[in-house]
């Protein structure tokens, strides 16, 4: 029993600064625009990718302990962010494109990538749920590599959107666009 208590005391706890950051990212205040909320979700995905990237360096028991949370993020948070991009950001931005923007194909490509990414996230979530119940270490190594690959793809995807979509959205979306998007976002959530 004392050994269990000692292990419990050694678990890393979020720092007060990290808790403050997480609270700010999850603030659903009406004063925050839907674009800012989406940026917060994207920051969460960036942090999640950092966790996935570190998994190959983590001992098997810790990976198993993290697996349910990873699966939950892949099943809930990740699809919610994609849906917000597809149902909120991209349609609003598409309405504001100008003749020379040539982003219709880029938006269509993003939506296609999102579909493939959703399928991969669902598959990885299922594998994480299996890991949480205990599999041999060889399967764990393969899963960690797959999660790391997913994280790398997500980082590239985010960087691409950060370079093409978000700057244009910040310039083109009007207050009315953001208000409509916010109302629709509230209905979806």
Protein backbone atom coordinates (compact mmCIF):
# COMPACT_ATOMS: atom_id res chain seq x y z
CA UNK A 1 0.00 0.00 0.00
CA UNK A 2 2.85 2.42 0.80
CA UNK A 3 4.46 1.70 -2.59
CA UNK A 4 1.20 2.69 -4.32
CA UNK A 5 1.06 5.92 -2.34
CA UNK A 6 4.68 6.70 -3.26
CA UNK A 7 3.92 6.13 -6.96
CA UNK A 8 0.88 8.42 -6.68
CA UNK A 9 3.10 11.17 -5.23
CA UNK A 10 5.58 10.86 -8.10
CA UNK A 11 3.00 11.49 -10.81
CA UNK A 12 3.58 14.77 -12.59
CA UNK A 13 0.93 17.36 -11.87
CA UNK A 14 0.12 20.27 -14.15
CA UNK A 15 1.86 23.42 -13.01
CA UNK A 16 -0.27 26.41 -11.99
CA UNK A 17 0.92 28.20 -15.13
CA UNK A 18 -0.13 25.30 -17.36
CA UNK A 19 -3.51 25.13 -15.65
CA UNK A 20 -3.95 28.85 -16.31
CA UNK A 21 -3.17 28.30 -19.99
CA UNK A 22 -5.59 25.38 -20.24
CA UNK A 23 -8.37 27.37 -18.58
CA UNK A 24 -7.81 30.26 -21.00
CA UNK A 25 -7.95 27.89 -23.98
CA UNK A 26 -11.27 26.47 -22.82
CA UNK A 27 -12.91 29.80 -22.02
CA UNK A 28 -16.23 29.82 -23.89
CA UNK A 29 -16.98 33.44 -23.09
CA UNK A 30 -19.29 35.28 -25.48
CA UNK A 31 -16.56 37.93 -25.78
CA UNK A 32 -14.32 35.49 -27.65
CA UNK A 33 -14.98 35.21 -31.37
CA UNK A 34 -15.50 31.79 -32.96
CA UNK A 35 -12.25 32.32 -34.84
CA UNK A 36 -10.42 32.77 -31.52
CA UNK A 37 -12.15 29.67 -30.12
CA UNK A 38 -11.00 27.72 -33.16
CA UNK A 39 -7.46 28.99 -32.66
CA UNK A 40 -7.68 27.72 -29.06
CA UNK A 41 -8.78 24.29 -30.31
CA UNK A 42 -5.86 24.30 -32.73
CA UNK A 43 -3.46 25.15 -29.89
CA UNK A 44 -4.88 22.17 -28.00
CA UNK A 45 -4.19 20.00 -31.04
CA UNK A 46 -0.62 21.32 -31.18
CA UNK A 47 -0.09 20.38 -27.52
CA UNK A 48 -1.71 16.99 -28.14
CA UNK A 49 0.69 16.40 -31.03
CA UNK A 50 3.62 17.15 -28.72
CA UNK A 51 2.36 14.42 -26.37
CA UNK A 52 2.04 11.96 -29.26
CA UNK A 53 5.52 12.85 -30.45
CA UNK A 54 6.97 12.04 -27.02
CA UNK A 55 5.25 8.63 -26.68
CA UNK A 56 8.11 6.54 -28.11
CA UNK A 57 10.25 7.80 -25.22
CA UNK A 58 7.70 6.88 -22.55
CA UNK A 59 7.59 3.60 -20.64
CA UNK A 60 4.82 1.15 -21.55
CA UNK A 61 2.82 1.61 -18.30
CA UNK A 62 2.66 5.37 -18.87
CA UNK A 63 1.56 4.88 -22.50
CA UNK A 64 -1.19 2.55 -21.29
CA UNK A 65 -2.23 5.15 -18.71
CA UNK A 66 -2.34 7.87 -21.39
CA UNK A 67 -4.16 5.73 -23.96
CA UNK A 68 -7.75 6.39 -22.77
CA UNK A 69 -7.18 10.16 -22.82
CA UNK A 70 -5.59 9.97 -26.26
CA UNK A 71 -8.54 7.93 -27.52
CA UNK A 72 -11.00 10.43 -26.04
CA UNK A 73 -9.23 13.36 -27.71
CA UNK A 74 -9.21 11.55 -31.05
CA UNK A 75 -12.92 10.66 -30.75
CA UNK A 76 -14.24 13.92 -29.31
CA UNK A 77 -12.00 16.99 -29.42
CA UNK A 78 -10.40 16.37 -32.78
CA UNK A 79 -13.63 15.75 -34.76
CA UNK A 80 -15.24 18.75 -33.03
CA UNK A 81 -12.42 21.00 -34.25
CA UNK A 82 -12.66 19.62 -37.79
CA UNK A 83 -16.43 20.08 -37.81
CA UNK A 84 -16.01 23.69 -36.68
CA UNK A 85 -13.59 24.33 -39.53
CA UNK A 86 -15.87 22.65 -42.08
CA UNK A 87 -19.20 24.02 -40.85
CA UNK A 88 -18.09 27.40 -39.57
CA UNK A 89 -14.77 28.74 -40.82
CA UNK A 90 -14.56 27.38 -44.35
CA UNK A 91 -18.12 28.22 -45.51
CA UNK A 92 -17.82 31.73 -44.05
CA UNK A 93 -14.46 32.21 -45.72
CA UNK A 94 -15.68 30.76 -49.03
CA UNK A 95 -18.43 33.43 -49.11
CA UNK A 96 -15.75 36.13 -48.73
CA UNK A 97 -13.33 34.90 -51.40
CA UNK A 98 -12.54 37.30 -54.19
CA UNK A 99 -11.99 36.42 -57.83
CA UNK A 100 -8.18 36.22 -57.63
CA UNK A 101 -7.98 34.30 -54.34
CA UNK A 102 -8.09 30.87 -56.01
CA UNK A 103 -8.78 29.12 -52.71
CA UNK A 104 -11.87 27.09 -53.64
CA UNK A 105 -9.70 24.09 -54.56
CA UNK A 106 -7.62 24.55 -51.40
CA UNK A 107 -10.79 24.49 -49.27
CA UNK A 108 -12.04 21.39 -51.09
CA UNK A 109 -8.66 19.71 -50.52
CA UNK A 110 -8.80 20.58 -46.81
CA UNK A 111 -12.24 19.00 -46.49
CA UNK A 112 -10.99 15.85 -48.27
CA UNK A 113 -7.98 15.68 -45.95
CA UNK A 114 -10.23 16.13 -42.93
CA UNK A 115 -12.28 13.10 -43.99
CA UNK A 116 -9.16 10.91 -44.23
CA UNK A 117 -7.83 12.33 -40.96
CA UNK A 118 -11.15 11.57 -39.22
CA UNK A 119 -10.94 7.95 -40.34
CA UNK A 120 -7.34 7.65 -39.19
CA UNK A 121 -8.15 9.29 -35.84
CA UNK A 122 -11.01 6.84 -35.28
CA UNK A 123 -8.78 3.87 -36.09
CA UNK A 124 -6.03 5.16 -33.78
CA UNK A 125 -8.59 5.76 -31.01
CA UNK A 126 -9.73 2.14 -31.26
CA UNK A 127 -6.14 0.95 -31.03
CA UNK A 128 -5.54 3.19 -28.00
CA UNK A 129 -8.61 1.72 -26.30
CA UNK A 130 -7.17 -1.75 -26.90
CA UNK A 131 -3.79 -0.68 -25.49
CA UNK A 132 -5.46 0.62 -22.35
CA UNK A 133 -6.68 -2.92 -21.68
CA UNK A 134 -3.20 -4.33 -22.21
CA UNK A 135 -1.43 -5.65 -25.30
CA UNK A 136 2.11 -6.85 -25.81
CA UNK A 137 4.90 -4.28 -26.05
CA UNK A 138 5.50 -4.92 -29.78
CA UNK A 139 1.98 -3.67 -30.58
CA UNK A 140 2.62 -0.71 -28.31
CA UNK A 141 5.72 0.29 -30.29
CA UNK A 142 3.75 0.10 -33.55
CA UNK A 143 0.93 2.19 -32.09
CA UNK A 144 3.35 4.84 -30.78
CA UNK A 145 4.91 5.09 -34.23
CA UNK A 146 1.48 5.45 -35.84
CA UNK A 147 0.48 8.16 -33.35
CA UNK A 148 3.73 10.00 -33.94
CA UNK A 149 3.13 9.87 -37.70
CA UNK A 150 -0.41 11.20 -37.18
CA UNK A 151 1.01 14.04 -35.07
CA UNK A 152 3.53 14.96 -37.76
CA UNK A 153 0.80 15.05 -40.40
CA UNK A 154 -1.35 17.24 -38.15
CA UNK A 155 1.50 19.68 -37.54
CA UNK A 156 2.05 20.03 -41.30
CA UNK A 157 -1.69 20.44 -41.88
CA UNK A 158 -1.95 23.11 -39.17
CA UNK A 159 1.06 24.97 -40.58
CA UNK A 160 -0.50 24.94 -44.04
CA UNK A 161 -3.80 26.30 -42.71
CA UNK A 162 -1.93 28.87 -40.61
CA UNK A 163 -0.18 30.10 -43.75
CA UNK A 164 -3.18 30.13 -46.10
CA UNK A 165 -6.59 30.00 -44.45
CA UNK A 166 -6.40 31.73 -41.06
CA UNK A 167 -4.68 34.97 -42.17
CA UNK A 168 -7.27 35.43 -44.91
CA UNK A 169 -10.11 34.64 -42.50
CA UNK A 170 -8.85 37.26 -40.05
CA UNK A 171 -8.88 39.89 -42.79
CA UNK A 172 -12.03 38.95 -44.69
CA UNK A 173 -14.57 37.72 -42.14
CA UNK A 174 -16.87 40.50 -41.02
CA UNK A 175 -18.48 41.01 -37.64
CA UNK A 176 -21.73 39.66 -39.13
CA UNK A 177 -19.92 36.55 -40.41
CA UNK A 178 -18.47 35.95 -36.95
CA UNK A 179 -21.82 36.55 -35.24
CA UNK A 180 -23.58 34.04 -37.56
CA UNK A 181 -20.76 31.55 -37.06
CA UNK A 182 -20.97 32.00 -33.26
CA UNK A 183 -24.72 31.31 -33.22
CA UNK A 184 -24.25 28.19 -35.37
CA UNK A 185 -21.33 27.08 -33.16
CA UNK A 186 -23.54 27.36 -30.07
CA UNK A 187 -26.22 25.23 -31.75
CA UNK A 188 -23.63 22.57 -32.67
CA UNK A 189 -22.26 22.41 -29.12
